Amino acid sequence: MTAIGIPDTGFQILLLGDMQVRRNGKPVVGLSYARMRALLAYLAVEREREHQREALADLLWAGTNALTARGNLRRTLADLRRALEVPSGDALFSSSRDSIRIVAHAYVDVLDFTTPVQHNEERMLGLYRGEFLAGLSLPDCPEFEHWLQIQRESLRRRALALLERLTNHHESQGDYM
């Protein structure tokens, strides 16, 4: 584990602050364009269900005709597989003609950050390295931008609530350092 509690083995998707993808603590290269990172982030955060290809194409290629959008999605998924699955030989995605889903047991900092806090608020707060997907924007994709803003606001509020609880705890203990 790193100092803030992120595992340094296996596959990690860090979405708080600048997006980072690591395998065994080493950066994964090849996530070169915004829609590729957006697709990976969306599938990682929303990994509890399968996603219809048509809906993903509409989400990330809004305003593009359906055939072109589906082709773009297919190429983007192939690029993700080339960058993430080929080097390790591990399958990260399950896909069919109609749907896509992340199947890997990847560590995702957002999912860790949003689990109920037991007693380690310092560790949880340490996971918040900055705004969710800092610097990522798809202004021509209003549904994705809406999802992104909801995530950012929810996570920012959670960080502020954790900080307030931690501050109150330390204050009640007379610990002002």
C-alpha atoms as a PDB file:
ATOM      1  CA  MET A   1       0.000   0.000   0.000  1.00  0.00           C
ATOM      2  CA  THR A   2       1.097   3.537  -0.668  1.00  0.00           C
ATOM      3  CA  ALA A   3       1.103   6.181   2.052  1.00  0.00           C
ATOM      4  CA  ILE A   4      -2.526   7.097   1.399  1.00  0.00           C
ATOM      5  CA  GLY A   5      -3.781   3.529   1.226  1.00  0.00           C
ATOM      6  CA  ILE A   6      -3.867   2.869  -2.524  1.00  0.00           C
ATOM      7  CA  PRO A   7      -2.704  -0.670  -3.277  1.00  0.00           C
ATOM      8  CA  ASP A   8       0.553  -0.768  -5.220  1.00  0.00           C
ATOM      9  CA  THR A   9      -0.131  -4.166  -6.759  1.00  0.00           C
ATOM     10  CA  GLY A  10      -2.709  -5.145  -9.318  1.00  0.00           C
ATOM     11  CA  PHE A  11      -4.617  -2.750 -11.523  1.00  0.00           C
ATOM     12  CA  GLN A  12      -5.504   0.717 -10.190  1.00  0.00           C
ATOM     13  CA  ILE A  13      -7.726   3.390 -11.733  1.00  0.00           C
ATOM     14  CA  LEU A  14      -7.262   6.703  -9.937  1.00  0.00           C
ATOM     15  CA  LEU A  15      -9.901   9.255 -10.866  1.00  0.00           C
ATOM     16  CA  LEU A  16      -9.607  11.771  -8.042  1.00  0.00           C
ATOM     17  CA  GLY A  17      -7.326  14.530  -9.294  1.00  0.00           C
ATOM     18  CA  ASP A  18      -5.543  13.914 -12.565  1.00  0.00           C
ATOM     19  CA  MET A  19      -6.570  10.515 -13.934  1.00  0.00           C
ATOM     20  CA  GLN A  20      -3.913   7.860 -13.444  1.00  0.00           C
ATOM     21  CA  VAL A  21      -4.019   4.228 -14.451  1.00  0.00           C
ATOM     22  CA  ARG A  22      -1.413   1.901 -12.975  1.00  0.00           C
ATOM     23  CA  ARG A  23      -0.524  -1.744 -13.057  1.00  0.00           C
ATOM     24  CA  ASN A  24       1.580  -2.927 -10.104  1.00  0.00           C
ATOM     25  CA  GLY A  25       2.369   0.665  -9.203  1.00  0.00           C
ATOM     26  CA  LYS A  26       3.658   1.581 -12.672  1.00  0.00           C
ATOM     27  CA  PRO A  27       1.823   4.021 -14.959  1.00  0.00           C
ATOM     28  CA  VAL A  28      -0.008   2.539 -17.919  1.00  0.00           C
ATOM     29  CA  VAL A  29       0.664   4.442 -21.115  1.00  0.00           C
ATOM     30  CA  GLY A  30      -1.521   4.714 -24.173  1.00  0.00           C
ATOM     31  CA  LEU A  31      -4.636   6.366 -22.747  1.00  0.00           C
ATOM     32  CA  SER A  32      -4.061   9.151 -25.189  1.00  0.00           C
ATOM     33  CA  TYR A  33      -7.378  10.858 -25.828  1.00  0.00           C
ATOM     34  CA  ALA A  34     -10.184  12.297 -23.741  1.00  0.00           C
ATOM     35  CA  ARG A  35     -13.002   9.996 -24.874  1.00  0.00           C
ATOM     36  CA  MET A  36     -10.829   6.965 -24.183  1.00  0.00           C
ATOM     37  CA  ARG A  37     -10.215   8.158 -20.609  1.00  0.00           C
ATOM     38  CA  ALA A  38     -13.894   9.147 -20.273  1.00  0.00           C
ATOM     39  CA  LEU A  39     -15.077   5.691 -21.353  1.00  0.00           C
ATOM     40  CA  LEU A  40     -12.713   3.947 -18.928  1.00  0.00           C
ATOM     41  CA  ALA A  41     -13.709   6.244 -16.062  1.00  0.00           C
ATOM     42  CA  TYR A  42     -17.426   5.851 -16.738  1.00  0.00           C
ATOM     43  CA  LEU A  43     -17.216   2.050 -16.940  1.00  0.00           C
ATOM     44  CA  ALA A  44     -15.058   1.919 -13.786  1.00  0.00           C
ATOM     45  CA  VAL A  45     -17.370   4.099 -11.682  1.00  0.00           C
ATOM     46  CA  GLU A  46     -20.566   2.534 -13.033  1.00  0.00           C
ATOM     47  CA  ARG A  47     -19.232  -1.022 -13.001  1.00  0.00           C
ATOM     48  CA  GLU A  48     -22.130  -2.638 -11.212  1.00  0.00           C
ATOM     49  CA  ARG A  49     -24.042  -3.126 -14.445  1.00  0.00           C
ATOM     50  CA  GLU A  50     -23.653  -3.757 -18.146  1.00  0.00           C
ATOM     51  CA  HIS A  51     -23.883  -0.721 -20.395  1.00  0.00           C
ATOM     52  CA  GLN A  52     -25.644  -0.791 -23.704  1.00  0.00           C
ATOM     53  CA  ARG A  53     -23.331   0.133 -26.563  1.00  0.00           C
ATOM     54  CA  GLU A  54     -25.949   2.437 -28.028  1.00  0.00           C
ATOM     55  CA  ALA A  55     -26.242   4.376 -24.752  1.00  0.00           C
ATOM     56  CA  LEU A  56     -22.445   4.651 -24.397  1.00  0.00           C
ATOM     57  CA  ALA A  57     -22.144   5.861 -27.989  1.00  0.00           C
ATOM     58  CA  ASP A  58     -24.822   8.506 -27.323  1.00  0.00           C
ATOM     59  CA  LEU A  59     -23.128   9.500 -24.063  1.00  0.00           C
ATOM     60  CA  LEU A  60     -19.670  10.033 -25.568  1.00  0.00           C
ATOM     61  CA  TRP A  61     -20.454  10.989 -29.168  1.00  0.00           C
ATOM     62  CA  ALA A  62     -23.581  13.085 -28.759  1.00  0.00           C
ATOM     63  CA  GLY A  63     -24.778  14.665 -31.959  1.00  0.00           C
ATOM     64  CA  THR A  64     -22.958  12.130 -34.142  1.00  0.00           C
ATOM     65  CA  ASN A  65     -25.029   9.800 -36.284  1.00  0.00           C
ATOM     66  CA  ALA A  66     -25.616   6.431 -34.637  1.00  0.00           C
ATOM     67  CA  LEU A  67     -23.493   4.382 -37.048  1.00  0.00           C
ATOM     68  CA  THR A  68     -20.468   6.674 -36.695  1.00  0.00           C
ATOM     69  CA  ALA A  69     -20.885   6.867 -32.899  1.00  0.00           C
ATOM     70  CA  ARG A  70     -20.976   3.061 -32.598  1.00  0.00           C
ATOM     71  CA  GLY A  71     -17.883   2.792 -34.794  1.00  0.00           C
ATOM     72  CA  ASN A  72     -16.108   5.354 -32.609  1.00  0.00           C
ATOM     73  CA  LEU A  73     -17.068   3.381 -29.505  1.00  0.00           C
ATOM     74  CA  ARG A  74     -15.813   0.139 -31.068  1.00  0.00           C
ATOM     75  CA  ARG A  75     -12.450   1.741 -31.952  1.00  0.00           C
ATOM     76  CA  THR A  76     -12.135   3.344 -28.524  1.00  0.00           C
ATOM     77  CA  LEU A  77     -12.800   0.043 -26.774  1.00  0.00           C
ATOM     78  CA  ALA A  78     -10.205  -1.619 -29.034  1.00  0.00           C
ATOM     79  CA  ASP A  79      -7.708   1.116 -28.102  1.00  0.00           C
ATOM     80  CA  LEU A  80      -8.443   0.569 -24.390  1.00  0.00           C
ATOM     81  CA  ARG A  81      -7.922  -3.151 -24.807  1.00  0.00           C
ATOM     82  CA  ARG A  82      -4.630  -2.558 -26.612  1.00  0.00           C
ATOM     83  CA  ALA A  83      -3.392  -0.282 -23.825  1.00  0.00           C
ATOM     84  CA  LEU A  84      -4.750  -2.213 -20.838  1.00  0.00           C
ATOM     85  CA  GLU A  85      -5.368  -5.871 -21.686  1.00  0.00           C
ATOM     86  CA  VAL A  86      -2.709  -6.771 -24.242  1.00  0.00           C
ATOM     87  CA  PRO A  87       0.362  -5.955 -22.079  1.00  0.00           C
ATOM     88  CA  SER A  88      -0.877  -8.084 -19.172  1.00  0.00           C
ATOM     89  CA  GLY A  89      -3.007 -10.677 -20.922  1.00  0.00           C
ATOM     90  CA  ASP A  90      -5.756 -10.012 -18.371  1.00  0.00           C
ATOM     91  CA  ALA A  91      -9.303  -9.384 -19.574  1.00  0.00           C
ATOM     92  CA  LEU A  92     -10.623  -6.124 -18.166  1.00  0.00           C
ATOM     93  CA  PHE A  93     -13.768  -5.845 -20.229  1.00  0.00           C
ATOM     94  CA  SER A  94     -16.622  -8.120 -21.067  1.00  0.00           C
ATOM     95  CA  SER A  95     -18.396  -7.148 -24.228  1.00  0.00           C
ATOM     96  CA  SER A  96     -21.074  -8.489 -26.454  1.00  0.00           C
ATOM     97  CA  ARG A  97     -22.649  -7.180 -29.595  1.00  0.00           C
ATOM     98  CA  ASP A  98     -24.927  -4.988 -27.468  1.00  0.00           C
ATOM     99  CA  SER A  99     -23.143  -4.266 -24.182  1.00  0.00           C
ATOM    100  CA  ILE A 100     -19.855  -3.532 -22.418  1.00  0.00           C
ATOM    101  CA  ARG A 101     -18.800  -3.936 -18.805  1.00  0.00           C
ATOM    102  CA  ILE A 102     -15.607  -3.847 -16.751  1.00  0.00           C
ATOM    103  CA  VAL A 103     -15.035  -7.256 -15.228  1.00  0.00           C
ATOM    104  CA  ALA A 104     -11.584  -6.841 -13.707  1.00  0.00           C
ATOM    105  CA  HIS A 105     -11.172  -6.521 -10.007  1.00  0.00           C
ATOM    106  CA  ALA A 106      -9.423  -3.196 -10.388  1.00  0.00           C
ATOM    107  CA  TYR A 107      -8.939  -0.833  -7.503  1.00  0.00           C
ATOM    108  CA  VAL A 108     -10.879   2.382  -8.190  1.00  0.00           C
ATOM    109  CA  ASP A 109     -10.128   5.230  -5.790  1.00  0.00           C
ATOM    110  CA  VAL A 110     -13.602   6.767  -6.175  1.00  0.00           C
ATOM    111  CA  LEU A 111     -15.286   3.519  -5.118  1.00  0.00           C
ATOM    112  CA  ASP A 112     -12.969   3.284  -2.109  1.00  0.00           C
ATOM    113  CA  PHE A 113     -13.571   6.946  -1.256  1.00  0.00           C
ATOM    114  CA  THR A 114     -17.360   6.524  -1.342  1.00  0.00           C
ATOM    115  CA  THR A 115     -17.517   3.455   0.890  1.00  0.00           C
ATOM    116  CA  PRO A 116     -18.889   4.139   4.374  1.00  0.00           C
ATOM    117  CA  VAL A 117     -16.148   5.419   6.675  1.00  0.00           C
ATOM    118  CA  GLN A 118     -15.425   3.172   9.621  1.00  0.00           C
ATOM    119  CA  HIS A 119     -12.672   4.825  11.621  1.00  0.00           C
ATOM    120  CA  ASN A 120      -9.984   5.964   9.231  1.00  0.00           C
ATOM    121  CA  GLU A 121     -11.133   9.336   7.983  1.00  0.00           C
ATOM    122  CA  GLU A 122      -7.532  10.505   7.473  1.00  0.00           C
ATOM    123  CA  ARG A 123      -6.947   7.694   4.981  1.00  0.00           C
ATOM    124  CA  MET A 124     -10.230   8.374   3.223  1.00  0.00           C
ATOM    125  CA  LEU A 125      -9.472  12.076   2.977  1.00  0.00           C
ATOM    126  CA  GLY A 126      -6.006  11.244   1.650  1.00  0.00           C
ATOM    127  CA  LEU A 127      -7.630   9.542  -1.323  1.00  0.00           C
ATOM    128  CA  TYR A 128      -9.118  12.861  -2.406  1.00  0.00           C
ATOM    129  CA  ARG A 129      -6.200  14.159  -4.477  1.00  0.00           C
ATOM    130  CA  GLY A 130      -8.367  16.722  -6.243  1.00  0.00           C
ATOM    131  CA  GLU A 131     -11.432  17.156  -8.393  1.00  0.00           C
ATOM    132  CA  PHE A 132     -12.885  14.036 -10.033  1.00  0.00           C
ATOM    133  CA  LEU A 133     -11.261  13.642 -13.470  1.00  0.00           C
ATOM    134  CA  ALA A 134      -9.535  17.003 -13.133  1.00  0.00           C
ATOM    135  CA  GLY A 135      -9.041  18.631 -16.503  1.00  0.00           C
ATOM    136  CA  LEU A 136     -11.269  16.198 -18.404  1.00  0.00           C
ATOM    137  CA  SER A 137     -14.135  17.722 -20.300  1.00  0.00           C
ATOM    138  CA  LEU A 138     -16.284  16.736 -23.265  1.00  0.00           C
ATOM    139  CA  PRO A 139     -18.209  19.969 -23.881  1.00  0.00           C
ATOM    140  CA  ASP A 140     -19.938  18.524 -26.947  1.00  0.00           C
ATOM    141  CA  CYS A 141     -21.411  15.672 -24.859  1.00  0.00           C
ATOM    142  CA  PRO A 142     -24.003  17.200 -22.513  1.00  0.00           C
ATOM    143  CA  GLU A 143     -25.093  13.925 -20.885  1.00  0.00           C
ATOM    144  CA  PHE A 144     -21.518  12.999 -20.045  1.00  0.00           C
ATOM    145  CA  GLU A 145     -20.825  16.525 -18.782  1.00  0.00           C
ATOM    146  CA  HIS A 146     -23.938  16.319 -16.579  1.00  0.00           C
ATOM    147  CA  TRP A 147     -22.787  12.972 -15.142  1.00  0.00           C
ATOM    148  CA  LEU A 148     -19.289  14.408 -14.645  1.00  0.00           C
ATOM    149  CA  GLN A 149     -20.585  17.482 -12.785  1.00  0.00           C
ATOM    150  CA  ILE A 150     -22.814  15.365 -10.526  1.00  0.00           C
ATOM    151  CA  GLN A 151     -19.843  13.128  -9.661  1.00  0.00           C
ATOM    152  CA  ARG A 152     -17.562  16.094  -9.038  1.00  0.00           C
ATOM    153  CA  GLU A 153     -20.030  17.858  -6.778  1.00  0.00           C
ATOM    154  CA  SER A 154     -20.940  14.726  -4.818  1.00  0.00           C
ATOM    155  CA  LEU A 155     -17.302  13.791  -4.250  1.00  0.00           C
ATOM    156  CA  ARG A 156     -16.319  17.353  -3.325  1.00  0.00           C
ATOM    157  CA  ARG A 157     -19.128  17.473  -0.758  1.00  0.00           C
ATOM    158  CA  ARG A 158     -18.033  14.130   0.670  1.00  0.00           C
ATOM    159  CA  ALA A 159     -14.450  15.404   0.999  1.00  0.00           C
ATOM    160  CA  LEU A 160     -15.630  18.563   2.746  1.00  0.00           C
ATOM    161  CA  ALA A 161     -17.826  16.559   5.142  1.00  0.00           C
ATOM    162  CA  LEU A 162     -14.900  14.252   5.959  1.00  0.00           C
ATOM    163  CA  LEU A 163     -12.646  17.244   6.528  1.00  0.00           C
ATOM    164  CA  GLU A 164     -15.216  18.848   8.822  1.00  0.00           C
ATOM    165  CA  ARG A 165     -15.637  15.645  10.878  1.00  0.00           C
ATOM    166  CA  LEU A 166     -11.889  15.215  11.126  1.00  0.00           C
ATOM    167  CA  THR A 167     -11.380  18.850  12.131  1.00  0.00           C
ATOM    168  CA  ASN A 168     -14.123  18.614  14.776  1.00  0.00           C
ATOM    169  CA  HIS A 169     -12.619  15.408  16.153  1.00  0.00           C
ATOM    170  CA  HIS A 170      -9.137  16.888  16.463  1.00  0.00           C
ATOM    171  CA  GLU A 171     -10.545  20.095  17.961  1.00  0.00           C
ATOM    172  CA  SER A 172     -12.487  18.116  20.574  1.00  0.00           C
ATOM    173  CA  GLN A 173      -9.232  16.336  21.496  1.00  0.00           C
ATOM    174  CA  GLY A 174      -7.403  19.653  21.855  1.00  0.00           C
ATOM    175  CA  ASP A 175      -5.169  18.719  18.915  1.00  0.00           C
ATOM    176  CA  TYR A 176      -4.725  21.901  16.900  1.00  0.00           C
ATOM    177  CA  MET A 177      -1.701  20.812  14.850  1.00  0.00           C
END
